[in-house]
Amino acid sequence: MGATNCAELLDPELMRPGRFDRKVRMPKPDTEGRFDVLQLHLRKKKIAPDVDLMQLSRDLPGLVGADLADIVNEAQLTAVRAGRTEITARDMYAGVDRFTQGELRPPIPTTNKLPISVFAAKEAGIALVADLLYMKHTRIEELERDLMKIPADDPRGA
């Protein structure tokens, strides 16, 4: 058994009959799958009543189990740093921010306005593209399904 994200880069000898005979695609989990994964990772942790796992799973399209585990771990660290024993919704979204944006950096100095303008333009572009994608595909999973209709080994998929 083996796993790869780039099957086309494997040595053809590995794919000879009798070695790796079957290819299985593992799509990313949908909303309900992410909900189940979050429940699994939080099953032994104390969570506050304000944590809505279904909403959180809707807010995290495209993430896989390992990503969700990282978010839960970051949320737990946030709660511990704040001196709490249970994870709140705020902790969960702090975990999301930490996972998606990385370490907090010091603020950009306001003496030079150019970096602030560049950053603002980038963020506006991200928001615009996300909004346009949402208008066309009300759910990111629908967009992923549309994109996955082209096989990975098809030249149009490159």
Foldseek 3Di string as FASTA:
>chain_A
DDDDPCPVPDDVVCDPPPHCPDDDDDAADALVVQLVLLCVLCVPAAADPQADSSVVSQVDPPDHSVLSNQLVVQLCVVCVVVVHRHGYNVSSVVSVCCSVPNDDDDDDDPPDCVVVVVVVVVVVVVVVVVVVVCVVPVGVVVVVVVLVVDPCPDPVND
